[in-house]
Amino acid sequence: MIGVGVAFVETFHWALCLFGAFLLFTGVKMSFSRKRAVDIARNPLIQLVRRLLPVSNTYHGARFTVRRDGRQLLTPLALVLIMIEVTDVLFAVDSIPAIFAITRDPFIVYTSNVCAILGLRSLYFLLAGVVHNFVYLRSALAIILSFIGSKMLLADVYHIPTTASLGVVGLVLLAEIGLSLLVNRQRPAWAEPTRKLTVIHRLLPIYDDN
């Protein structure tokens, strides 16, 4: 995806406007969308996999496939892996156009996205327990995406320096953290949100020998 994106941008200059419009649309949509409960059973990807491939209803330890009655079946753990990998692809759809607003060097684009994906996966379980404390994180991400998208759309009219772009991103994140800390400090102890299991926690199996 990175190789195709770099070649596409170098060949067609208007591709930056296309990427910028996509990021701006994503940011605006995120600003107005509301949080909804996630029902994994109704996820279109899960339904598609279950429709195309036979899937076992129970986990079988750390195995991704199991043979029953002469048929090879996927286990629910295989569905977990598919969801994670598709999430990585969706993450790239946003992050690859965003990095083009900073640099077009293929090496920097590639390594930054690799580090981002590895860092996201490694820090997930750390952040899952405290993410409810960041009250304005969604708004901050929407502002950042909208800013980067606007920068790409206005690249031919006015070039925003890289240091200024990084400064805006840093200030937005710092403001979000500060406001979240202020809100959490003023929130009564009895109003603290109950820590709920996240989607991945629900999907992760309990390994046993059954």
N, C-alpha and C. Protein backbone atom coordinates (compact mmCIF):
# COMPACT_ATOMS: atom_id res chain seq x y z
N MET A 1 0.82 -1.21 0.00
CA MET A 1 0.00 0.00 0.00
C MET A 1 0.86 1.26 0.00
N ILE A 2 1.97 1.22 0.75
CA ILE A 2 2.86 2.38 0.79
C ILE A 2 3.52 2.59 -0.56
N GLY A 3 4.01 1.47 -1.17
CA GLY A 3 4.65 1.58 -2.48
C GLY A 3 3.71 2.12 -3.53
N VAL A 4 2.49 1.61 -3.55
CA VAL A 4 1.50 2.10 -4.51
C VAL A 4 1.15 3.55 -4.24
N GLY A 5 1.03 3.91 -2.95
CA GLY A 5 0.70 5.28 -2.60
C GLY A 5 1.77 6.27 -3.03
N VAL A 6 3.05 5.92 -2.81
CA VAL A 6 4.16 6.80 -3.21
C VAL A 6 4.17 6.97 -4.72
N ALA A 7 4.05 5.84 -5.45
CA ALA A 7 4.06 5.92 -6.91
C ALA A 7 2.86 6.72 -7.42
N PHE A 8 1.71 6.55 -6.77
CA PHE A 8 0.50 7.26 -7.19
C PHE A 8 0.66 8.75 -7.00
N VAL A 9 1.22 9.16 -5.84
CA VAL A 9 1.40 10.60 -5.56
C VAL A 9 2.43 11.21 -6.51
N GLU A 10 3.50 10.46 -6.80
CA GLU A 10 4.54 11.00 -7.69
C GLU A 10 4.04 11.11 -9.12
N THR A 11 3.11 10.24 -9.52
CA THR A 11 2.60 10.26 -10.88
C THR A 11 1.46 11.24 -11.05
N PHE A 12 0.57 11.27 -10.07
CA PHE A 12 -0.60 12.15 -10.14
C PHE A 12 -0.59 13.11 -8.94
N HIS A 13 -0.30 14.36 -9.20
CA HIS A 13 -0.22 15.34 -8.12
C HIS A 13 -1.56 15.53 -7.43
N TRP A 14 -2.65 15.38 -8.18
CA TRP A 14 -3.98 15.58 -7.59
C TRP A 14 -4.31 14.51 -6.55
N ALA A 15 -3.48 13.47 -6.47
CA ALA A 15 -3.72 12.42 -5.47
C ALA A 15 -3.64 12.98 -4.06
N LEU A 16 -2.78 14.00 -3.85
CA LEU A 16 -2.68 14.62 -2.53
C LEU A 16 -4.00 15.27 -2.14
N CYS A 17 -4.66 15.89 -3.11
CA CYS A 17 -5.96 16.50 -2.83
C CYS A 17 -6.99 15.42 -2.50
N LEU A 18 -6.89 14.28 -3.18
CA LEU A 18 -7.80 13.17 -2.91
C LEU A 18 -7.58 12.64 -1.50
N PHE A 19 -6.31 12.44 -1.11
CA PHE A 19 -6.00 11.98 0.24
C PHE A 19 -6.43 13.01 1.27
N GLY A 20 -6.19 14.28 0.97
CA GLY A 20 -6.56 15.33 1.90
C GLY A 20 -8.06 15.40 2.12
N ALA A 21 -8.83 15.26 1.04
CA ALA A 21 -10.29 15.28 1.16
C ALA A 21 -10.77 14.09 1.98
N PHE A 22 -10.11 12.94 1.80
CA PHE A 22 -10.50 11.75 2.56
C PHE A 22 -10.25 11.96 4.06
N LEU A 23 -9.09 12.53 4.41
CA LEU A 23 -8.78 12.77 5.82
C LEU A 23 -9.72 13.82 6.41
N LEU A 24 -10.01 14.86 5.64
CA LEU A 24 -10.93 15.90 6.13
C LEU A 24 -12.32 15.31 6.35
N PHE A 25 -12.77 14.47 5.43
CA PHE A 25 -14.08 13.82 5.59
C PHE A 25 -14.08 12.92 6.83
N THR A 26 -12.99 12.17 7.03
CA THR A 26 -12.89 11.30 8.20
C THR A 26 -12.94 12.09 9.49
N GLY A 27 -12.22 13.22 9.53
CA GLY A 27 -12.21 14.05 10.73
C GLY A 27 -13.57 14.64 11.04
N VAL A 28 -14.25 15.15 10.01
CA VAL A 28 -15.58 15.73 10.21
C VAL A 28 -16.58 14.66 10.64
N LYS A 29 -16.50 13.50 10.01
CA LYS A 29 -17.41 12.41 10.36
C LYS A 29 -17.18 11.96 11.80
N MET A 30 -15.92 11.90 12.22
CA MET A 30 -15.60 11.51 13.59
C MET A 30 -16.13 12.54 14.58
N SER A 31 -16.14 13.80 14.20
CA SER A 31 -16.61 14.86 15.10
C SER A 31 -18.09 14.73 15.42
N PHE A 32 -18.87 14.30 14.44
CA PHE A 32 -20.32 14.26 14.60
C PHE A 32 -20.87 12.87 14.90
N SER A 33 -20.03 11.85 14.78
CA SER A 33 -20.52 10.50 15.04
C SER A 33 -20.55 10.23 16.54
N ARG A 34 -21.45 9.37 16.95
CA ARG A 34 -21.59 9.01 18.36
C ARG A 34 -21.08 7.60 18.60
N LYS A 35 -20.67 7.36 19.81
CA LYS A 35 -20.22 6.02 20.16
C LYS A 35 -21.40 5.06 20.17
N ARG A 36 -21.18 3.91 19.58
CA ARG A 36 -22.21 2.89 19.55
C ARG A 36 -21.66 1.58 20.08
N ALA A 37 -22.53 0.81 20.69
CA ALA A 37 -22.10 -0.49 21.19
C ALA A 37 -21.73 -1.39 20.01
N VAL A 38 -20.67 -2.13 20.18
CA VAL A 38 -20.17 -2.98 19.10
C VAL A 38 -20.68 -4.40 19.31
N ASP A 39 -21.36 -4.92 18.31
CA ASP A 39 -21.84 -6.29 18.34
C ASP A 39 -21.00 -7.09 17.35
N ILE A 40 -20.04 -7.85 17.87
CA ILE A 40 -19.12 -8.58 17.01
C ILE A 40 -19.85 -9.57 16.11
N ALA A 41 -20.90 -10.19 16.62
CA ALA A 41 -21.63 -11.19 15.84
C ALA A 41 -22.22 -10.59 14.57
N ARG A 42 -22.54 -9.29 14.60
CA ARG A 42 -23.14 -8.64 13.44
C ARG A 42 -22.11 -7.91 12.57
N ASN A 43 -20.84 -8.03 12.90
CA ASN A 43 -19.81 -7.39 12.09
C ASN A 43 -19.84 -7.96 10.67
N PRO A 44 -19.87 -7.11 9.64
CA PRO A 44 -19.96 -7.61 8.25
C PRO A 44 -18.82 -8.55 7.88
N LEU A 45 -17.61 -8.28 8.38
CA LEU A 45 -16.48 -9.15 8.06
C LEU A 45 -16.67 -10.53 8.66
N ILE A 46 -17.09 -10.59 9.94
CA ILE A 46 -17.32 -11.87 10.60
C ILE A 46 -18.42 -12.64 9.89
N GLN A 47 -19.48 -11.95 9.51
CA GLN A 47 -20.58 -12.61 8.82
C GLN A 47 -20.14 -13.13 7.46
N LEU A 48 -19.28 -12.37 6.76
CA LEU A 48 -18.79 -12.80 5.45
C LEU A 48 -17.92 -14.05 5.58
N VAL A 49 -17.01 -14.04 6.58
CA VAL A 49 -16.14 -15.20 6.77
C VAL A 49 -16.97 -16.43 7.13
N ARG A 50 -17.94 -16.26 8.01
CA ARG A 50 -18.79 -17.40 8.39
C ARG A 50 -19.63 -17.90 7.21
N ARG A 51 -19.96 -17.01 6.29
CA ARG A 51 -20.75 -17.42 5.14
C ARG A 51 -19.90 -18.18 4.12
N LEU A 52 -18.63 -17.78 3.99
CA LEU A 52 -17.76 -18.39 2.99
C LEU A 52 -17.01 -19.60 3.51
N LEU A 53 -16.69 -19.62 4.81
CA LEU A 53 -15.85 -20.69 5.36
C LEU A 53 -16.54 -21.31 6.57
N PRO A 54 -16.34 -22.60 6.78
CA PRO A 54 -16.89 -23.24 7.98
C PRO A 54 -16.10 -22.84 9.22
N VAL A 55 -16.83 -22.45 10.27
CA VAL A 55 -16.19 -21.97 11.50
C VAL A 55 -16.73 -22.75 12.69
N SER A 56 -15.83 -23.19 13.55
CA SER A 56 -16.23 -23.89 14.77
C SER A 56 -16.83 -22.90 15.76
N ASN A 57 -17.73 -23.37 16.60
CA ASN A 57 -18.37 -22.51 17.59
C ASN A 57 -17.59 -22.43 18.89
N THR A 58 -16.55 -23.23 19.06
CA THR A 58 -15.79 -23.25 20.30
C THR A 58 -14.30 -23.11 20.01
N TYR A 59 -13.59 -22.57 20.99
CA TYR A 59 -12.13 -22.45 20.89
C TYR A 59 -11.49 -23.82 21.09
N HIS A 60 -10.32 -23.98 20.49
CA HIS A 60 -9.55 -25.22 20.63
C HIS A 60 -8.11 -24.84 20.96
N GLY A 61 -7.94 -24.32 22.18
CA GLY A 61 -6.62 -23.89 22.61
C GLY A 61 -6.09 -22.78 21.72
N ALA A 62 -4.84 -22.93 21.26
CA ALA A 62 -4.21 -21.91 20.42
C ALA A 62 -4.29 -22.27 18.94
N ARG A 63 -5.15 -23.19 18.58
CA ARG A 63 -5.24 -23.64 17.19
C ARG A 63 -6.16 -22.72 16.39
N PHE A 64 -5.76 -22.48 15.14
CA PHE A 64 -6.57 -21.67 14.24
C PHE A 64 -7.52 -22.52 13.41
N THR A 65 -7.22 -23.79 13.26
CA THR A 65 -8.09 -24.70 12.51
C THR A 65 -8.24 -26.00 13.28
N VAL A 66 -9.32 -26.71 13.01
CA VAL A 66 -9.56 -28.00 13.64
C VAL A 66 -10.32 -28.88 12.63
N ARG A 67 -10.07 -30.18 12.66
CA ARG A 67 -10.74 -31.09 11.75
C ARG A 67 -11.86 -31.84 12.49
N ARG A 68 -13.06 -31.76 11.95
CA ARG A 68 -14.21 -32.45 12.51
C ARG A 68 -15.01 -33.11 11.41
N ASP A 69 -15.29 -34.40 11.59
CA ASP A 69 -16.09 -35.15 10.62
C ASP A 69 -15.53 -35.02 9.21
N GLY A 70 -14.19 -35.05 9.12
CA GLY A 70 -13.55 -34.96 7.81
C GLY A 70 -13.50 -33.57 7.22
N ARG A 71 -13.97 -32.54 7.94
CA ARG A 71 -13.97 -31.16 7.45
C ARG A 71 -12.97 -30.32 8.23
N GLN A 72 -12.30 -29.42 7.52
CA GLN A 72 -11.37 -28.50 8.16
C GLN A 72 -12.13 -27.23 8.53
N LEU A 73 -12.17 -26.90 9.82
CA LEU A 73 -12.92 -25.74 10.30
C LEU A 73 -11.98 -24.70 10.86
N LEU A 74 -12.34 -23.43 10.66
CA LEU A 74 -11.66 -22.35 11.37
C LEU A 74 -12.18 -22.30 12.80
N THR A 75 -11.32 -21.88 13.73
CA THR A 75 -11.75 -21.68 15.10
C THR A 75 -12.04 -20.20 15.33
N PRO A 76 -12.76 -19.85 16.38
CA PRO A 76 -12.99 -18.43 16.67
C PRO A 76 -11.69 -17.64 16.83
N LEU A 77 -10.61 -18.32 17.24
CA LEU A 77 -9.33 -17.63 17.35
C LEU A 77 -8.85 -17.15 15.98
N ALA A 78 -9.16 -17.91 14.91
CA ALA A 78 -8.81 -17.47 13.56
C ALA A 78 -9.58 -16.20 13.20
N LEU A 79 -10.82 -16.09 13.66
CA LEU A 79 -11.60 -14.88 13.42
C LEU A 79 -10.98 -13.68 14.13
N VAL A 80 -10.43 -13.93 15.33
CA VAL A 80 -9.74 -12.86 16.05
C VAL A 80 -8.57 -12.36 15.23
N LEU A 81 -7.77 -13.30 14.69
CA LEU A 81 -6.61 -12.92 13.89
C LEU A 81 -7.03 -12.13 12.65
N ILE A 82 -8.09 -12.57 11.99
CA ILE A 82 -8.58 -11.87 10.80
C ILE A 82 -9.00 -10.45 11.15
N MET A 83 -9.71 -10.28 12.27
CA MET A 83 -10.14 -8.94 12.70
C MET A 83 -8.96 -8.04 12.98
N ILE A 84 -7.92 -8.57 13.62
CA ILE A 84 -6.74 -7.77 13.94
C ILE A 84 -6.03 -7.32 12.67
N GLU A 85 -5.86 -8.24 11.72
CA GLU A 85 -5.15 -7.89 10.49
C GLU A 85 -5.95 -6.91 9.64
N VAL A 86 -7.26 -7.06 9.58
CA VAL A 86 -8.08 -6.10 8.85
C VAL A 86 -8.02 -4.73 9.51
N THR A 87 -7.95 -4.72 10.85
CA THR A 87 -7.81 -3.45 11.57
C THR A 87 -6.50 -2.77 11.20
N ASP A 88 -5.43 -3.55 11.04
CA ASP A 88 -4.15 -2.99 10.60
C ASP A 88 -4.28 -2.34 9.22
N VAL A 89 -5.01 -2.98 8.32
CA VAL A 89 -5.20 -2.43 6.98
C VAL A 89 -6.00 -1.12 7.05
N LEU A 90 -7.07 -1.12 7.84
CA LEU A 90 -7.87 0.10 8.00
C LEU A 90 -7.06 1.22 8.63
N PHE A 91 -6.18 0.85 9.57
CA PHE A 91 -5.29 1.83 10.20
C PHE A 91 -4.39 2.46 9.14
N ALA A 92 -3.92 1.64 8.20
CA ALA A 92 -3.03 2.15 7.15
C ALA A 92 -3.76 3.10 6.21
N VAL A 93 -5.06 2.87 6.00
CA VAL A 93 -5.82 3.72 5.09
C VAL A 93 -5.80 5.17 5.56
N ASP A 94 -5.82 5.39 6.88
CA ASP A 94 -5.74 6.75 7.43
C ASP A 94 -4.30 7.22 7.57
N SER A 95 -3.43 6.35 8.08
CA SER A 95 -2.07 6.78 8.45
C SER A 95 -1.18 7.03 7.25
N ILE A 96 -1.34 6.24 6.17
CA ILE A 96 -0.48 6.44 5.00
C ILE A 96 -0.76 7.78 4.31
N PRO A 97 -2.02 8.14 4.02
CA PRO A 97 -2.24 9.48 3.47
C PRO A 97 -1.78 10.59 4.42
N ALA A 98 -1.94 10.38 5.74
CA ALA A 98 -1.55 11.43 6.69
C ALA A 98 -0.05 11.68 6.65
N ILE A 99 0.77 10.63 6.52
CA ILE A 99 2.22 10.83 6.52
C ILE A 99 2.69 11.54 5.27
N PHE A 100 1.90 11.45 4.17
CA PHE A 100 2.27 12.17 2.95
C PHE A 100 2.19 13.68 3.15
N ALA A 101 1.44 14.12 4.16
CA ALA A 101 1.38 15.55 4.45
C ALA A 101 2.67 16.03 5.11
N ILE A 102 3.47 15.10 5.63
CA ILE A 102 4.73 15.45 6.30
C ILE A 102 5.92 15.22 5.37
N THR A 103 5.96 14.06 4.71
CA THR A 103 7.09 13.72 3.85
C THR A 103 6.63 12.75 2.77
N ARG A 104 7.40 12.72 1.68
CA ARG A 104 7.14 11.76 0.61
C ARG A 104 8.30 10.79 0.45
N ASP A 105 9.21 10.81 1.38
CA ASP A 105 10.33 9.87 1.36
C ASP A 105 9.80 8.47 1.66
N PRO A 106 9.90 7.52 0.71
CA PRO A 106 9.33 6.18 0.92
C PRO A 106 9.87 5.49 2.17
N PHE A 107 11.15 5.69 2.48
CA PHE A 107 11.74 5.03 3.65
C PHE A 107 11.10 5.54 4.93
N ILE A 108 10.95 6.86 5.05
CA ILE A 108 10.34 7.44 6.25
C ILE A 108 8.87 7.05 6.34
N VAL A 109 8.17 7.07 5.22
CA VAL A 109 6.76 6.68 5.22
C VAL A 109 6.60 5.25 5.69
N TYR A 110 7.46 4.35 5.16
CA TYR A 110 7.35 2.93 5.50
C TYR A 110 7.70 2.68 6.97
N THR A 111 8.85 3.19 7.42
CA THR A 111 9.29 2.91 8.79
C THR A 111 8.37 3.54 9.81
N SER A 112 7.83 4.73 9.53
CA SER A 112 6.93 5.38 10.50
C SER A 112 5.65 4.58 10.66
N ASN A 113 5.13 4.04 9.57
CA ASN A 113 3.91 3.24 9.66
C ASN A 113 4.16 1.91 10.35
N VAL A 114 5.31 1.30 10.10
CA VAL A 114 5.65 0.06 10.78
C VAL A 114 5.74 0.29 12.28
N CYS A 115 6.45 1.35 12.68
CA CYS A 115 6.58 1.67 14.11
C CYS A 115 5.22 1.99 14.72
N ALA A 116 4.37 2.68 13.97
CA ALA A 116 3.04 3.03 14.48
C ALA A 116 2.21 1.78 14.73
N ILE A 117 2.23 0.84 13.79
CA ILE A 117 1.44 -0.37 13.94
C ILE A 117 1.98 -1.22 15.09
N LEU A 118 3.30 -1.37 15.16
CA LEU A 118 3.89 -2.15 16.25
C LEU A 118 3.62 -1.49 17.60
N GLY A 119 3.74 -0.17 17.64
CA GLY A 119 3.48 0.54 18.89
C GLY A 119 2.03 0.46 19.30
N LEU A 120 1.12 0.56 18.30
CA LEU A 120 -0.32 0.49 18.61
C LEU A 120 -0.66 -0.86 19.22
N ARG A 121 -0.11 -1.93 18.64
CA ARG A 121 -0.43 -3.26 19.14
C ARG A 121 0.20 -3.50 20.51
N SER A 122 1.42 -3.00 20.71
CA SER A 122 2.10 -3.23 21.98
C SER A 122 1.47 -2.45 23.12
N LEU A 123 0.99 -1.25 22.83
CA LEU A 123 0.44 -0.39 23.87
C LEU A 123 -1.06 -0.57 24.06
N TYR A 124 -1.68 -1.45 23.27
CA TYR A 124 -3.13 -1.57 23.33
C TYR A 124 -3.61 -1.90 24.74
N PHE A 125 -3.02 -2.95 25.32
CA PHE A 125 -3.53 -3.42 26.61
C PHE A 125 -3.21 -2.42 27.73
N LEU A 126 -2.16 -1.60 27.53
CA LEU A 126 -1.88 -0.55 28.50
C LEU A 126 -2.93 0.55 28.40
N LEU A 127 -3.24 0.97 27.17
CA LEU A 127 -4.17 2.07 26.97
C LEU A 127 -5.62 1.65 27.19
N ALA A 128 -5.93 0.35 26.98
CA ALA A 128 -7.32 -0.11 27.12
C ALA A 128 -7.84 0.14 28.53
N GLY A 129 -6.95 0.09 29.52
CA GLY A 129 -7.39 0.27 30.89
C GLY A 129 -7.55 1.72 31.31
N VAL A 130 -6.96 2.66 30.53
CA VAL A 130 -7.00 4.07 30.94
C VAL A 130 -7.65 4.97 29.89
N VAL A 131 -8.04 4.39 28.74
CA VAL A 131 -8.55 5.23 27.66
C VAL A 131 -9.81 5.98 28.05
N HIS A 132 -10.60 5.41 29.01
CA HIS A 132 -11.82 6.09 29.43
C HIS A 132 -11.52 7.40 30.16
N ASN A 133 -10.26 7.58 30.60
CA ASN A 133 -9.90 8.82 31.28
C ASN A 133 -9.68 9.97 30.29
N PHE A 134 -9.42 9.63 29.01
CA PHE A 134 -9.19 10.67 28.02
C PHE A 134 -10.53 11.04 27.38
N VAL A 135 -11.20 11.98 28.01
CA VAL A 135 -12.57 12.33 27.65
C VAL A 135 -12.66 12.91 26.24
N TYR A 136 -11.67 13.72 25.86
CA TYR A 136 -11.74 14.44 24.59
C TYR A 136 -10.81 13.86 23.53
N LEU A 137 -10.42 12.61 23.69
CA LEU A 137 -9.50 12.00 22.73
C LEU A 137 -10.11 11.94 21.33
N ARG A 138 -11.37 11.56 21.25
CA ARG A 138 -12.03 11.47 19.94
C ARG A 138 -12.07 12.83 19.24
N SER A 139 -12.37 13.88 20.01
CA SER A 139 -12.41 15.22 19.43
C SER A 139 -11.02 15.66 18.97
N ALA A 140 -10.00 15.33 19.77
CA ALA A 140 -8.63 15.70 19.41
C ALA A 140 -8.21 15.01 18.11
N LEU A 141 -8.52 13.73 17.97
CA LEU A 141 -8.17 13.01 16.75
C LEU A 141 -8.91 13.59 15.56
N ALA A 142 -10.16 13.98 15.76
CA ALA A 142 -10.94 14.58 14.67
C ALA A 142 -10.30 15.89 14.21
N ILE A 143 -9.85 16.70 15.17
CA ILE A 143 -9.20 17.98 14.84
C ILE A 143 -7.90 17.73 14.08
N ILE A 144 -7.12 16.75 14.53
CA ILE A 144 -5.83 16.46 13.88
C ILE A 144 -6.05 15.97 12.46
N LEU A 145 -6.99 15.05 12.26
CA LEU A 145 -7.27 14.56 10.91
C LEU A 145 -7.76 15.68 10.00
N SER A 146 -8.63 16.54 10.53
CA SER A 146 -9.15 17.65 9.73
C SER A 146 -8.04 18.63 9.38
N PHE A 147 -7.13 18.89 10.32
CA PHE A 147 -6.01 19.81 10.07
C PHE A 147 -5.09 19.25 8.99
N ILE A 148 -4.73 17.98 9.10
CA ILE A 148 -3.83 17.37 8.12
C ILE A 148 -4.48 17.32 6.75
N GLY A 149 -5.77 16.97 6.72
CA GLY A 149 -6.48 16.97 5.45
C GLY A 149 -6.53 18.36 4.81
N SER A 150 -6.78 19.39 5.62
CA SER A 150 -6.82 20.76 5.11
C SER A 150 -5.44 21.19 4.61
N LYS A 151 -4.39 20.77 5.32
CA LYS A 151 -3.04 21.10 4.88
C LYS A 151 -2.74 20.53 3.51
N MET A 152 -3.16 19.28 3.28
CA MET A 152 -2.92 18.65 1.98
C MET A 152 -3.73 19.32 0.88
N LEU A 153 -4.95 19.75 1.19
CA LEU A 153 -5.78 20.41 0.19
C LEU A 153 -5.23 21.79 -0.17
N LEU A 154 -4.60 22.46 0.80
CA LEU A 154 -4.09 23.82 0.58
C LEU A 154 -2.61 23.84 0.23
N ALA A 155 -2.03 22.67 -0.07
CA ALA A 155 -0.59 22.58 -0.31
C ALA A 155 -0.15 23.48 -1.47
N ASP A 156 -0.96 23.59 -2.51
CA ASP A 156 -0.58 24.41 -3.67
C ASP A 156 -0.82 25.89 -3.42
N VAL A 157 -1.66 26.21 -2.45
CA VAL A 157 -1.96 27.61 -2.15
C VAL A 157 -1.02 28.16 -1.08
N TYR A 158 -0.84 27.40 -0.02
CA TYR A 158 0.04 27.83 1.08
C TYR A 158 0.67 26.59 1.70
N HIS A 159 1.99 26.60 1.80
CA HIS A 159 2.72 25.47 2.38
C HIS A 159 2.94 25.71 3.86
N ILE A 160 2.37 24.84 4.67
CA ILE A 160 2.55 24.91 6.13
C ILE A 160 3.82 24.14 6.48
N PRO A 161 4.80 24.78 7.13
CA PRO A 161 6.06 24.09 7.47
C PRO A 161 5.81 22.85 8.31
N THR A 162 6.70 21.87 8.17
CA THR A 162 6.57 20.62 8.91
C THR A 162 6.61 20.86 10.41
N THR A 163 7.51 21.75 10.85
CA THR A 163 7.61 22.03 12.29
C THR A 163 6.31 22.61 12.82
N ALA A 164 5.67 23.47 12.02
CA ALA A 164 4.40 24.05 12.45
C ALA A 164 3.32 22.97 12.53
N SER A 165 3.32 22.05 11.57
CA SER A 165 2.33 20.97 11.59
C SER A 165 2.50 20.10 12.82
N LEU A 166 3.75 19.71 13.10
CA LEU A 166 4.00 18.89 14.29
C LEU A 166 3.65 19.65 15.56
N GLY A 167 3.88 20.96 15.55
CA GLY A 167 3.53 21.77 16.71
C GLY A 167 2.03 21.80 16.95
N VAL A 168 1.26 21.93 15.88
CA VAL A 168 -0.21 21.92 16.02
C VAL A 168 -0.69 20.58 16.57
N VAL A 169 -0.15 19.49 16.02
CA VAL A 169 -0.54 18.15 16.49
C VAL A 169 -0.20 17.99 17.96
N GLY A 170 1.01 18.40 18.33
CA GLY A 170 1.43 18.29 19.73
C GLY A 170 0.57 19.12 20.66
N LEU A 171 0.24 20.35 20.26
CA LEU A 171 -0.58 21.22 21.10
C LEU A 171 -2.00 20.66 21.27
N VAL A 172 -2.56 20.10 20.20
CA VAL A 172 -3.90 19.52 20.30
C VAL A 172 -3.91 18.35 21.27
N LEU A 173 -2.89 17.49 21.18
CA LEU A 173 -2.82 16.35 22.08
C LEU A 173 -2.60 16.80 23.52
N LEU A 174 -1.73 17.78 23.73
CA LEU A 174 -1.49 18.29 25.09
C LEU A 174 -2.75 18.93 25.66
N ALA A 175 -3.47 19.67 24.82
CA ALA A 175 -4.71 20.30 25.29
C ALA A 175 -5.73 19.24 25.66
N GLU A 176 -5.81 18.17 24.87
CA GLU A 176 -6.75 17.09 25.17
C GLU A 176 -6.40 16.43 26.50
N ILE A 177 -5.12 16.18 26.72
CA ILE A 177 -4.70 15.55 27.98
C ILE A 177 -4.99 16.47 29.16
N GLY A 178 -4.68 17.76 29.01
CA GLY A 178 -4.92 18.71 30.09
C GLY A 178 -6.39 18.83 30.44
N LEU A 179 -7.24 18.96 29.41
CA LEU A 179 -8.67 19.08 29.66
C LEU A 179 -9.24 17.80 30.27
N SER A 180 -8.75 16.65 29.82
CA SER A 180 -9.22 15.38 30.37
C SER A 180 -8.84 15.25 31.84
N LEU A 181 -7.62 15.64 32.18
CA LEU A 181 -7.19 15.61 33.58
C LEU A 181 -8.03 16.54 34.44
N LEU A 182 -8.35 17.71 33.89
CA LEU A 182 -9.17 18.68 34.62
C LEU A 182 -10.57 18.14 34.86
N VAL A 183 -11.17 17.54 33.83
CA VAL A 183 -12.52 16.98 33.97
C VAL A 183 -12.53 15.82 34.96
N ASN A 184 -11.52 14.95 34.87
CA ASN A 184 -11.46 13.80 35.78
C ASN A 184 -11.23 14.24 37.23
N ARG A 185 -10.50 15.33 37.43
CA ARG A 185 -10.26 15.82 38.79
C ARG A 185 -11.52 16.38 39.41
N GLN A 186 -12.38 17.00 38.57
CA GLN A 186 -13.61 17.59 39.08
C GLN A 186 -14.76 16.59 39.16
N ARG A 187 -14.56 15.41 38.58
CA ARG A 187 -15.62 14.40 38.58
C ARG A 187 -15.70 13.72 39.94
N PRO A 188 -16.90 13.60 40.52
CA PRO A 188 -17.03 12.92 41.81
C PRO A 188 -16.56 11.47 41.72
N ALA A 189 -16.10 10.95 42.85
CA ALA A 189 -15.58 9.58 42.88
C ALA A 189 -16.64 8.57 42.47
N TRP A 190 -17.91 8.82 42.86
CA TRP A 190 -18.97 7.86 42.55
C TRP A 190 -19.33 7.86 41.07
N ALA A 191 -18.88 8.91 40.35
CA ALA A 191 -19.22 9.01 38.93
C ALA A 191 -18.17 8.42 38.03
N GLU A 192 -17.12 7.81 38.60
CA GLU A 192 -16.07 7.20 37.78
C GLU A 192 -16.68 6.10 36.92
N PRO A 193 -16.35 6.08 35.63
CA PRO A 193 -16.92 5.05 34.75
C PRO A 193 -16.42 3.67 35.12
N THR A 194 -17.30 2.71 35.03
CA THR A 194 -16.93 1.33 35.30
C THR A 194 -16.08 0.81 34.16
N ARG A 195 -14.98 0.19 34.49
CA ARG A 195 -14.11 -0.34 33.46
C ARG A 195 -14.76 -1.56 32.82
N LYS A 196 -14.99 -1.48 31.54
CA LYS A 196 -15.66 -2.56 30.82
C LYS A 196 -14.66 -3.30 29.95
N LEU A 197 -15.00 -4.53 29.65
CA LEU A 197 -14.18 -5.30 28.73
C LEU A 197 -14.31 -4.71 27.34
N THR A 198 -13.20 -4.58 26.63
CA THR A 198 -13.22 -4.06 25.28
C THR A 198 -13.49 -5.18 24.30
N VAL A 199 -13.61 -4.80 23.04
CA VAL A 199 -13.95 -5.78 22.01
C VAL A 199 -12.91 -6.89 21.94
N ILE A 200 -11.63 -6.52 21.96
CA ILE A 200 -10.59 -7.54 21.84
C ILE A 200 -10.59 -8.43 23.06
N HIS A 201 -10.88 -7.87 24.25
CA HIS A 201 -10.95 -8.69 25.45
C HIS A 201 -12.05 -9.75 25.31
N ARG A 202 -13.17 -9.36 24.69
CA ARG A 202 -14.24 -10.33 24.51
C ARG A 202 -13.83 -11.42 23.54
N LEU A 203 -13.00 -11.05 22.56
CA LEU A 203 -12.63 -12.01 21.54
C LEU A 203 -11.53 -12.95 22.00
N LEU A 204 -10.66 -12.47 22.88
CA LEU A 204 -9.53 -13.30 23.29
C LEU A 204 -10.00 -14.54 24.02
N PRO A 205 -9.48 -15.69 23.67
CA PRO A 205 -9.95 -16.93 24.29
C PRO A 205 -9.26 -17.21 25.61
N ILE A 206 -9.86 -18.08 26.40
CA ILE A 206 -9.23 -18.63 27.59
C ILE A 206 -8.71 -20.00 27.18
N TYR A 207 -7.40 -20.12 27.13
CA TYR A 207 -6.83 -21.36 26.62
C TYR A 207 -7.03 -22.48 27.64
N ASP A 208 -7.49 -23.61 27.14
CA ASP A 208 -7.61 -24.80 27.96
C ASP A 208 -7.40 -26.02 27.08
N ASP A 209 -7.54 -27.16 27.63
CA ASP A 209 -7.30 -28.40 26.89
C ASP A 209 -8.58 -29.02 26.36
N ASN A 210 -9.72 -28.30 26.52
CA ASN A 210 -10.99 -28.87 26.07
C ASN A 210 -11.16 -28.72 24.56
